[in-house]
Amino acid sequence: MKKGTIAIIMIAVFCFASVATAATTPFSDVPSTHWAYGAVNKLAKAGIIDGMGKGGFQGDKTLTRYEMAQIVANAMTKSDEADAENKAIIDRLSQEFATELQALGIRVAALEQNQSPLKISGFAQYRYEYAENPRTLTTNGLASQYGVASDKTQSRTALNLFLDNKFDGNTYAHVWLNQENLDGQINDSNDIEANVHVQEAYFANKMGNIEVAVGKFLPDSGLGTLSGAPFMGGGRLAFNIGNEKVRVWSTKFGGMTFNQGDVTIPFSKNGKIIASYFGDKGKNLYDATLAGFVYNITPDIKLDGEYGQNKAATAKLADNGNTPKAAYLRAKYKGANPFQVGSYGVAVQYRKANDGFDIMSMAAPYAWNAPYNWSSPAGGGVANNMRGVELSVETTIAPRLIFSAAYGAMKADVTSSFGMTAGITPGVAKDNQKYLTAQLFYLF
């Protein structure tokens, strides 16, 4: 794509965004200046709601209307404990978020009767994609789970179920179950684990300012340039230092030990910086440092981006002795709210990754979307051997049902590859790496 075309696209996004009045995330935000923040703070100080309870409220965190509605629902169940002034606040909040409460199926009586600590939620997904030059997967230990994709077109369905059990205010368990298949075929029918997977299963306990968790995780350090896959077993430590949030993981996968972590530093009420590290113990494939940012320019416009470099030995070998680098920059206007039919979002993203930066395809699909047949394991994200622009749109077509599509005008960073690069045989990488992905997402 020519530089002039990229400039026109970026200008169009920002001009269109000048009429902004609503959201910045897929689940539209409640601006931090909204009166609901002060109202919720007042209820928290009065003891009507727990500031870190069901809604996950934090004074320095931008919440979606969905999350705020959960807080309001929690307050509604405790209105008997409120005085006249706080009851009036609860009534006003319930009117403000009536649409979200109704979409959630929340009724005061039902909430009062249902105090079970076990919560069940999830989503279903259908995904179609076209890749002009697929990066053929090689058969490996994960092929039985994700399937081997080599065709230009393919479809994939997935069902994800989340089980969360809160034992008390400081102890909880989380389980994520997944069933996924490629082009209508259940992968490896002789292996039950190829049909139903335990993606995450961990137990966590908070002791003062420190939270310790052990089990199986999908680590999500940084902004997704690394850490998106796969699922790893080990431990996680999280704590705060003032307004800064620190997380550290030590996990194992495929006989390798991975260490990763991040530090989140707010620099204003609308922005934050995230510094992270991702590496294997021997620093053979990964020894990467990254820095990123998220900034809400207006309630409708969000900018985010991340830059990293990988100094691992094999990574350098793949990039002809150089230290491979990767970066993305994305601008997003609005977002599809699953409880507001007709809501929508558009985004434009530029990204570039040298060969060798992400050999094992550890990028998160929400940051580095790509056809599944571009990555190994086929987790849907890869920050390796590519450069170009992606345009995406999303809209809510029915309650809880979101349609999204993305077109990637991509090229290979190099047309001859090291061979350990995600699925590319040496010497056969094609310069043209254009793709189209589309999916339906149903939240339940």
Protein backbone atom coordinates (compact mmCIF):
# COMPACT_ATOMS: atom_id res chain seq x y z
CA MET A 1 0.00 0.00 0.00
CA LYS A 2 1.43 3.41 -0.98
CA LYS A 3 2.34 5.93 1.70
CA GLY A 4 -0.17 8.41 0.28
CA THR A 5 -2.99 5.90 0.65
CA ILE A 6 -2.00 5.20 4.26
CA ALA A 7 -2.02 8.91 5.03
CA ILE A 8 -5.48 9.35 3.50
CA ILE A 9 -6.84 6.45 5.58
CA MET A 10 -5.40 7.86 8.82
CA ILE A 11 -6.75 11.36 8.08
CA ALA A 12 -10.19 9.95 7.28
CA VAL A 13 -10.31 8.03 10.57
CA PHE A 14 -9.39 11.08 12.63
CA CYS A 15 -11.72 13.47 10.77
CA PHE A 16 -14.60 11.06 11.14
CA ALA A 17 -13.75 10.66 14.83
CA SER A 18 -14.16 14.40 15.49
CA VAL A 19 -17.87 13.88 16.14
CA ALA A 20 -17.05 11.48 18.98
CA THR A 21 -19.45 11.06 21.89
CA ALA A 22 -19.27 7.42 23.02
CA ALA A 23 -16.86 4.50 23.33
CA THR A 24 -13.23 3.52 22.88
CA THR A 25 -13.32 -0.24 23.43
CA PRO A 26 -15.31 -3.17 22.01
CA PHE A 27 -17.55 -2.82 25.10
CA SER A 28 -18.10 0.95 24.97
CA ASP A 29 -16.52 2.97 27.76
CA VAL A 30 -18.01 5.12 30.46
CA PRO A 31 -15.83 8.27 30.31
CA SER A 32 -13.91 8.86 33.52
CA THR A 33 -15.66 12.25 33.80
CA HIS A 34 -19.11 10.60 33.83
CA TRP A 35 -21.19 11.32 36.94
CA ALA A 36 -21.56 7.58 37.56
CA TYR A 37 -17.96 7.38 38.82
CA GLY A 38 -18.66 9.84 41.62
CA ALA A 39 -21.93 8.10 42.43
CA VAL A 40 -20.28 4.69 42.67
CA ASN A 41 -17.48 6.11 44.81
CA LYS A 42 -20.08 7.52 47.20
CA LEU A 43 -21.78 4.12 47.46
CA ALA A 44 -18.43 2.43 48.06
CA LYS A 45 -17.54 4.87 50.85
CA ALA A 46 -20.94 4.23 52.41
CA GLY A 47 -20.27 0.48 52.38
CA ILE A 48 -23.14 -0.26 50.00
CA ILE A 49 -20.81 -1.91 47.49
CA ASP A 50 -17.32 -3.35 47.66
CA GLY A 51 -14.97 -1.15 45.63
CA MET A 52 -13.20 -4.27 44.29
CA GLY A 53 -16.23 -6.53 44.30
CA LYS A 54 -18.45 -7.96 41.63
CA GLY A 55 -18.08 -5.02 39.28
CA GLY A 56 -14.32 -4.75 39.62
CA PHE A 57 -14.49 -0.99 40.19
CA GLN A 58 -11.27 0.98 40.49
CA GLY A 59 -11.20 4.74 40.61
CA ASP A 60 -8.31 4.98 38.14
CA LYS A 61 -9.67 2.47 35.65
CA THR A 62 -11.88 3.27 32.66
CA LEU A 63 -14.88 0.95 32.78
CA THR A 64 -17.20 -0.23 30.04
CA ARG A 65 -20.93 0.25 30.39
CA TYR A 66 -21.18 -3.52 30.76
CA GLU A 67 -18.81 -3.48 33.75
CA MET A 68 -20.54 -0.46 35.28
CA ALA A 69 -23.91 -2.20 34.92
CA GLN A 70 -22.56 -5.11 36.96
CA ILE A 71 -21.59 -2.70 39.74
CA VAL A 72 -25.04 -1.12 39.62
CA ALA A 73 -26.66 -4.56 39.79
CA ASN A 74 -24.57 -5.32 42.87
CA ALA A 75 -25.70 -2.08 44.49
CA MET A 76 -29.34 -2.82 43.67
CA THR A 77 -29.21 -6.05 45.67
CA LYS A 78 -28.08 -4.07 48.72
CA SER A 79 -30.45 -1.13 48.49
CA ASP A 80 -32.06 -2.17 51.79
CA GLU A 81 -28.80 -1.20 53.49
CA ALA A 82 -28.84 2.29 51.98
CA ASP A 83 -30.26 5.49 53.42
CA ALA A 84 -32.64 7.68 51.45
CA GLU A 85 -29.85 9.62 49.73
CA ASN A 86 -27.98 6.50 48.59
CA LYS A 87 -31.22 4.82 47.47
CA ALA A 88 -31.81 7.81 45.21
CA ILE A 89 -28.30 7.37 43.78
CA ILE A 90 -28.96 3.67 43.12
CA ASP A 91 -32.25 4.51 41.39
CA ARG A 92 -30.54 7.09 39.18
CA LEU A 93 -27.76 4.65 38.29
CA SER A 94 -30.27 1.92 37.45
CA GLN A 95 -32.07 4.30 35.08
CA GLU A 96 -28.80 5.37 33.41
CA PHE A 97 -27.75 1.76 32.78
CA ALA A 98 -31.22 0.29 32.23
CA THR A 99 -30.38 -0.97 28.72
CA GLU A 100 -27.28 -2.83 29.88
CA LEU A 101 -29.09 -4.24 32.92
CA GLN A 102 -31.92 -5.49 30.73
CA ALA A 103 -29.48 -7.01 28.23
CA LEU A 104 -27.76 -8.81 31.07
CA GLY A 105 -31.12 -10.23 32.12
CA ILE A 106 -30.71 -8.71 35.57
CA ARG A 107 -33.68 -8.39 37.90
CA VAL A 108 -33.39 -7.30 41.49
CA ALA A 109 -35.28 -10.28 42.84
CA ALA A 110 -33.21 -12.71 40.79
CA LEU A 111 -29.99 -11.17 42.00
CA GLU A 112 -31.06 -11.36 45.63
CA GLN A 113 -31.92 -15.02 45.25
CA ASN A 114 -28.79 -15.96 43.30
CA GLN A 115 -25.80 -15.49 45.55
CA SER A 116 -23.88 -18.55 44.36
CA PRO A 117 -20.10 -17.96 44.25
CA LEU A 118 -19.89 -19.96 40.98
CA LYS A 119 -20.25 -17.84 37.85
CA ILE A 120 -20.55 -19.32 34.35
CA SER A 121 -20.02 -17.26 31.20
CA GLY A 122 -18.44 -17.61 27.78
CA PHE A 123 -18.63 -16.95 24.06
CA ALA A 124 -19.03 -18.77 20.76
CA GLN A 125 -17.14 -17.81 17.63
CA TYR A 126 -17.27 -18.56 13.92
CA ARG A 127 -14.31 -17.34 11.86
CA TYR A 128 -13.72 -17.31 8.10
CA GLU A 129 -10.45 -16.29 6.50
CA TYR A 130 -8.64 -15.96 3.22
CA ALA A 131 -4.86 -15.81 2.86
CA GLU A 132 -3.43 -15.20 -0.60
CA ASN A 133 -0.21 -17.03 0.29
CA PRO A 134 -0.76 -19.28 3.33
CA ARG A 135 2.14 -19.99 5.64
CA THR A 136 1.72 -23.75 5.78
CA LEU A 137 1.87 -25.28 9.23
CA THR A 138 4.20 -28.15 9.92
CA THR A 139 2.89 -31.07 11.96
CA ASN A 140 3.89 -30.67 15.58
CA GLY A 141 2.59 -31.40 19.07
CA LEU A 142 -0.09 -28.74 18.77
CA ALA A 143 -1.34 -29.70 15.34
CA SER A 144 -3.80 -32.16 16.91
CA GLN A 145 -5.37 -29.31 18.87
CA TYR A 146 -5.55 -26.57 16.25
CA GLY A 147 -5.47 -28.48 13.00
CA VAL A 148 -3.11 -28.14 10.06
CA ALA A 149 -4.12 -25.29 7.77
CA SER A 150 -2.69 -24.88 4.28
CA ASP A 151 -5.62 -23.87 2.05
CA LYS A 152 -6.19 -20.28 0.99
CA THR A 153 -9.66 -20.29 2.52
CA GLN A 154 -10.80 -21.92 5.72
CA SER A 155 -13.28 -21.61 8.54
CA ARG A 156 -13.01 -22.28 12.23
CA THR A 157 -15.55 -22.56 15.04
CA ALA A 158 -14.89 -22.34 18.75
CA LEU A 159 -16.86 -22.57 21.97
CA ASN A 160 -15.35 -21.09 25.13
CA LEU A 161 -16.73 -21.58 28.63
CA PHE A 162 -15.51 -19.74 31.75
CA LEU A 163 -16.05 -21.04 35.28
CA ASP A 164 -15.20 -18.64 38.10
CA ASN A 165 -15.63 -19.46 41.76
CA LYS A 166 -15.02 -16.82 44.43
CA PHE A 167 -14.51 -18.52 47.80
CA ASP A 168 -14.18 -15.29 49.77
CA GLY A 169 -12.97 -11.75 49.23
CA ASN A 170 -9.37 -12.86 48.68
CA THR A 171 -9.52 -16.35 47.16
CA TYR A 172 -10.89 -17.51 43.82
CA ALA A 173 -10.51 -20.14 41.09
CA HIS A 174 -10.75 -19.71 37.34
CA VAL A 175 -11.23 -22.35 34.61
CA TRP A 176 -11.45 -21.83 30.83
CA LEU A 177 -12.73 -24.72 28.68
CA ASN A 178 -12.49 -24.67 24.90
CA GLN A 179 -13.65 -26.78 21.98
CA GLU A 180 -12.41 -25.80 18.55
CA ASN A 181 -12.42 -27.27 15.07
CA LEU A 182 -11.17 -26.42 11.62
CA ASP A 183 -13.44 -26.46 8.55
CA GLY A 184 -16.08 -28.44 10.42
CA GLN A 185 -13.73 -31.28 11.33
CA ILE A 186 -12.98 -32.13 14.95
CA ASN A 187 -9.23 -32.48 15.16
CA ASP A 188 -7.77 -35.84 16.03
CA SER A 189 -10.99 -37.65 16.98
CA ASN A 190 -8.96 -40.38 18.71
CA ASP A 191 -7.75 -37.92 21.34
CA ILE A 192 -10.42 -36.52 23.67
CA GLU A 193 -8.08 -33.67 24.61
CA ALA A 194 -8.11 -32.60 20.98
CA ASN A 195 -11.85 -31.95 21.31
CA VAL A 196 -12.20 -30.31 24.73
CA HIS A 197 -9.27 -28.40 26.19
CA VAL A 198 -8.61 -26.92 29.59
CA GLN A 199 -7.07 -23.67 28.40
CA GLU A 200 -6.73 -22.08 31.83
CA ALA A 201 -7.16 -23.53 35.33
CA TYR A 202 -5.64 -21.67 38.24
CA PHE A 203 -6.18 -20.89 41.90
CA ALA A 204 -5.41 -17.40 43.27
CA ASN A 205 -5.14 -15.89 46.72
CA LYS A 206 -4.69 -12.25 47.64
CA MET A 207 -2.72 -11.41 50.75
CA GLY A 208 -2.85 -7.70 51.33
CA ASN A 209 -1.29 -6.02 48.32
CA ILE A 210 0.04 -9.25 46.80
CA GLU A 211 -1.83 -11.84 44.74
CA VAL A 212 -0.32 -15.28 44.13
CA ALA A 213 -1.78 -17.66 41.54
CA VAL A 214 -0.73 -21.18 40.49
CA GLY A 215 -1.97 -23.44 37.70
CA LYS A 216 -2.32 -23.10 33.93
CA PHE A 217 -2.40 -19.64 32.34
CA LEU A 218 -2.63 -17.74 29.12
CA PRO A 219 -0.17 -15.01 30.15
CA ASP A 220 -1.06 -11.58 28.82
CA SER A 221 1.96 -9.44 29.63
CA GLY A 222 2.40 -6.20 27.71
CA LEU A 223 0.01 -5.27 24.91
CA GLY A 224 0.12 -8.55 22.99
CA THR A 225 3.15 -8.29 20.70
CA LEU A 226 4.42 -11.29 22.68
CA SER A 227 2.60 -13.48 25.26
CA GLY A 228 -0.60 -14.26 23.38
CA ALA A 229 -0.02 -18.02 23.16
CA PRO A 230 0.26 -20.76 24.12
CA PHE A 231 -1.20 -21.79 27.46
CA MET A 232 1.47 -22.47 30.07
CA GLY A 233 1.62 -24.07 33.51
CA GLY A 234 3.32 -22.33 36.41
CA GLY A 235 2.81 -19.39 38.72
CA ARG A 236 1.92 -15.70 38.66
CA LEU A 237 2.67 -12.91 41.13
CA ALA A 238 0.87 -9.55 41.03
CA PHE A 239 1.15 -6.49 43.26
CA ASN A 240 0.87 -2.70 43.22
CA ILE A 241 3.47 -0.07 43.97
CA GLY A 242 1.45 3.09 44.39
CA ASN A 243 -0.45 3.52 41.11
CA GLU A 244 1.87 1.13 39.28
CA LYS A 245 0.77 -2.44 38.69
CA VAL A 246 3.37 -5.23 38.48
CA ARG A 247 2.81 -8.81 37.21
CA VAL A 248 5.34 -11.63 36.88
CA TRP A 249 4.93 -15.17 35.46
CA SER A 250 7.21 -18.19 35.51
CA THR A 251 5.78 -20.98 33.37
CA LYS A 252 6.67 -24.04 31.33
CA PHE A 253 5.65 -25.10 27.84
CA GLY A 254 7.05 -27.78 25.55
CA GLY A 255 9.90 -28.57 27.92
CA MET A 256 10.94 -24.90 28.01
CA THR A 257 10.74 -22.46 30.93
CA PHE A 258 9.44 -18.98 30.13
CA ASN A 259 9.78 -15.90 32.31
CA GLN A 260 7.73 -12.82 31.60
CA GLY A 261 6.22 -9.82 33.31
CA ASP A 262 5.04 -6.25 32.93
CA VAL A 263 4.73 -2.94 34.74
CA THR A 264 1.78 -0.63 34.04
CA ILE A 265 2.36 3.06 34.78
CA PRO A 266 -0.54 5.55 34.41
CA PHE A 267 0.70 8.93 33.15
CA SER A 268 -2.71 10.63 33.07
CA LYS A 269 -6.36 9.79 33.59
CA ASN A 270 -6.53 8.93 29.88
CA GLY A 271 -3.25 7.15 29.31
CA LYS A 272 -0.81 4.53 30.53
CA ILE A 273 2.59 3.09 29.64
CA ILE A 274 3.32 -0.65 29.80
CA ALA A 275 6.87 -2.02 29.92
CA SER A 276 7.28 -5.80 29.61
CA TYR A 277 9.74 -8.66 29.22
CA PHE A 278 9.31 -12.05 27.53
CA GLY A 279 12.02 -14.71 27.40
CA ASP A 280 12.81 -18.41 27.62
CA LYS A 281 15.23 -19.53 30.31
CA GLY A 282 18.12 -20.19 27.94
CA LYS A 283 17.44 -17.01 25.94
CA ASN A 284 17.56 -19.13 22.82
CA LEU A 285 14.31 -18.18 21.06
CA TYR A 286 13.13 -15.21 23.13
CA ASP A 287 14.94 -12.51 25.08
CA ALA A 288 12.62 -9.62 24.33
CA THR A 289 12.02 -6.26 25.97
CA LEU A 290 8.97 -4.23 24.97
CA ALA A 291 7.36 -0.87 25.66
CA GLY A 292 3.83 0.21 24.79
CA PHE A 293 1.17 2.78 25.49
CA VAL A 294 -2.61 3.23 25.53
CA TYR A 295 -4.12 6.72 25.25
CA ASN A 296 -7.74 7.85 24.96
CA ILE A 297 -7.60 11.07 22.93
CA THR A 298 -11.36 11.55 23.30
CA PRO A 299 -14.13 9.27 24.58
CA ASP A 300 -14.35 7.96 21.00
CA ILE A 301 -10.74 7.82 19.85
CA LYS A 302 -8.17 5.43 21.25
CA LEU A 303 -4.51 5.09 20.30
CA ASP A 304 -2.32 2.18 21.32
CA GLY A 305 0.99 0.76 20.20
CA GLU A 306 3.95 -1.34 21.23
CA TYR A 307 7.61 -1.71 20.22
CA GLY A 308 10.01 -4.53 21.08
CA GLN A 309 13.32 -6.15 20.21
CA ASN A 310 14.40 -9.76 20.64
CA LYS A 311 18.08 -10.37 21.46
CA ALA A 312 17.86 -14.19 21.64
CA ALA A 313 20.52 -16.16 19.76
CA THR A 314 18.20 -17.96 17.33
CA ALA A 315 16.18 -14.81 16.75
CA LYS A 316 19.34 -13.01 15.62
CA LEU A 317 20.32 -15.93 13.43
CA ALA A 318 16.94 -15.74 11.68
CA ASP A 319 17.53 -12.04 10.99
CA ASN A 320 20.99 -12.52 9.50
CA GLY A 321 22.78 -11.64 12.71
CA ASN A 322 20.72 -8.54 13.43
CA THR A 323 18.47 -8.03 16.45
CA PRO A 324 14.91 -8.47 15.09
CA LYS A 325 12.38 -5.83 16.04
CA ALA A 326 8.59 -5.52 15.92
CA ALA A 327 6.13 -2.67 16.39
CA TYR A 328 2.49 -1.76 15.83
CA LEU A 329 0.48 1.46 16.03
CA ARG A 330 -3.33 1.46 16.00
CA ALA A 331 -6.05 4.11 15.97
CA LYS A 332 -9.59 3.06 16.84
CA TYR A 333 -12.86 4.95 16.60
CA LYS A 334 -15.74 3.83 18.82
CA GLY A 335 -16.45 0.11 19.30
CA ALA A 336 -19.23 -2.46 19.04
CA ASN A 337 -21.19 -2.72 22.28
CA PRO A 338 -22.70 -6.25 22.50
CA PHE A 339 -25.78 -4.83 24.22
CA GLN A 340 -26.43 -2.00 21.78
CA VAL A 341 -27.57 -3.11 18.33
CA GLY A 342 -26.14 -0.91 15.63
CA SER A 343 -23.11 0.22 17.61
CA TYR A 344 -19.89 -0.04 15.65
CA GLY A 345 -16.18 0.58 15.55
CA VAL A 346 -13.50 1.10 12.92
CA ALA A 347 -9.72 0.85 13.25
CA VAL A 348 -6.54 1.21 11.24
CA GLN A 349 -3.28 -0.43 12.31
CA TYR A 350 0.26 -0.35 10.96
CA ARG A 351 2.63 -3.11 11.99
CA LYS A 352 6.05 -4.41 11.09
CA ALA A 353 8.04 -7.39 12.40
CA ASN A 354 11.46 -8.61 11.30
CA ASP A 355 12.07 -12.27 10.56
CA GLY A 356 12.94 -14.13 13.77
CA PHE A 357 11.23 -11.80 16.24
CA ASP A 358 8.37 -14.22 16.98
CA ILE A 359 9.52 -17.66 15.85
CA MET A 360 6.94 -19.59 17.92
CA SER A 361 4.03 -17.24 17.12
CA MET A 362 3.50 -15.93 20.64
CA ALA A 363 1.61 -12.79 19.57
CA ALA A 364 -1.92 -12.19 20.79
CA PRO A 365 -4.57 -12.18 18.03
CA TYR A 366 -6.26 -9.02 19.34
CA ALA A 367 -3.01 -7.09 18.76
CA TRP A 368 -1.55 -9.00 15.78
CA ASN A 369 -4.52 -10.48 13.93
CA ALA A 370 -3.55 -12.94 11.21
CA PRO A 371 -5.01 -15.95 9.42
CA TYR A 372 -4.66 -19.11 11.47
CA ASN A 373 -2.64 -20.65 8.66
CA TRP A 374 -0.02 -17.97 9.24
CA SER A 375 0.97 -19.16 12.68
CA SER A 376 2.29 -22.19 14.51
CA PRO A 377 0.74 -22.98 16.91
CA ALA A 378 -2.38 -21.77 15.13
CA GLY A 379 -3.48 -19.38 17.84
CA GLY A 380 -4.36 -16.53 15.51
CA GLY A 381 -1.50 -14.08 16.11
CA VAL A 382 2.06 -13.79 14.80
CA ALA A 383 4.56 -10.90 15.02
CA ASN A 384 7.01 -12.29 12.50
CA ASN A 385 8.20 -11.47 8.97
CA MET A 386 5.51 -9.00 7.94
CA ARG A 387 4.82 -5.33 7.35
CA GLY A 388 1.79 -3.37 6.24
CA VAL A 389 -1.59 -1.95 7.21
CA GLU A 390 -4.75 -3.62 8.51
CA LEU A 391 -8.21 -2.05 8.28
CA SER A 392 -11.01 -3.45 10.46
CA VAL A 393 -14.68 -2.86 11.24
CA GLU A 394 -17.08 -4.28 13.80
CA THR A 395 -20.78 -3.88 14.53
CA THR A 396 -23.43 -5.39 16.79
CA ILE A 397 -26.06 -7.01 14.57
CA ALA A 398 -28.20 -8.51 17.37
CA PRO A 399 -28.05 -8.44 21.17
CA ARG A 400 -24.75 -10.07 22.21
CA LEU A 401 -23.84 -10.85 18.57
CA ILE A 402 -20.93 -8.95 16.98
CA PHE A 403 -19.73 -9.17 13.39
CA SER A 404 -16.19 -8.07 12.58
CA ALA A 405 -13.94 -8.13 9.53
CA ALA A 406 -10.34 -7.14 8.82
CA TYR A 407 -8.31 -6.74 5.66
CA GLY A 408 -4.53 -6.90 5.88
CA ALA A 409 -2.55 -5.26 3.07
CA MET A 410 0.59 -7.07 4.15
CA LYS A 411 3.94 -7.94 2.65
CA ALA A 412 6.67 -10.23 3.90
CA ASP A 413 9.54 -8.39 5.57
CA VAL A 414 11.88 -10.74 3.71
CA THR A 415 10.99 -13.15 0.91
CA SER A 416 13.46 -15.83 1.96
CA SER A 417 13.07 -17.16 5.47
CA PHE A 418 15.19 -18.87 8.09
CA GLY A 419 12.91 -21.90 8.25
CA MET A 420 11.97 -21.76 11.93
CA THR A 421 9.86 -18.77 11.04
CA ALA A 422 6.18 -19.42 11.61
CA GLY A 423 5.42 -22.12 9.10
CA ILE A 424 7.55 -20.80 6.22
CA THR A 425 9.85 -23.18 4.35
CA PRO A 426 13.26 -21.60 3.59
CA GLY A 427 13.30 -19.66 0.34
CA VAL A 428 9.57 -19.86 -0.45
CA ALA A 429 8.05 -16.97 1.51
CA LYS A 430 5.92 -14.85 -0.85
CA ASP A 431 6.18 -11.08 -0.86
CA ASN A 432 2.38 -10.76 -1.11
CA GLN A 433 0.90 -11.57 2.31
CA LYS A 434 -2.59 -10.09 1.92
CA TYR A 435 -5.42 -11.63 3.94
CA LEU A 436 -9.06 -11.17 4.90
CA THR A 437 -10.63 -12.39 8.15
CA ALA A 438 -14.27 -12.22 9.24
CA GLN A 439 -16.01 -13.56 12.30
CA LEU A 440 -19.20 -13.74 14.31
CA PHE A 441 -18.83 -13.44 18.08
CA TYR A 442 -21.68 -14.32 20.48
CA LEU A 443 -21.37 -13.45 24.15
CA PHE A 444 -23.37 -15.41 26.70
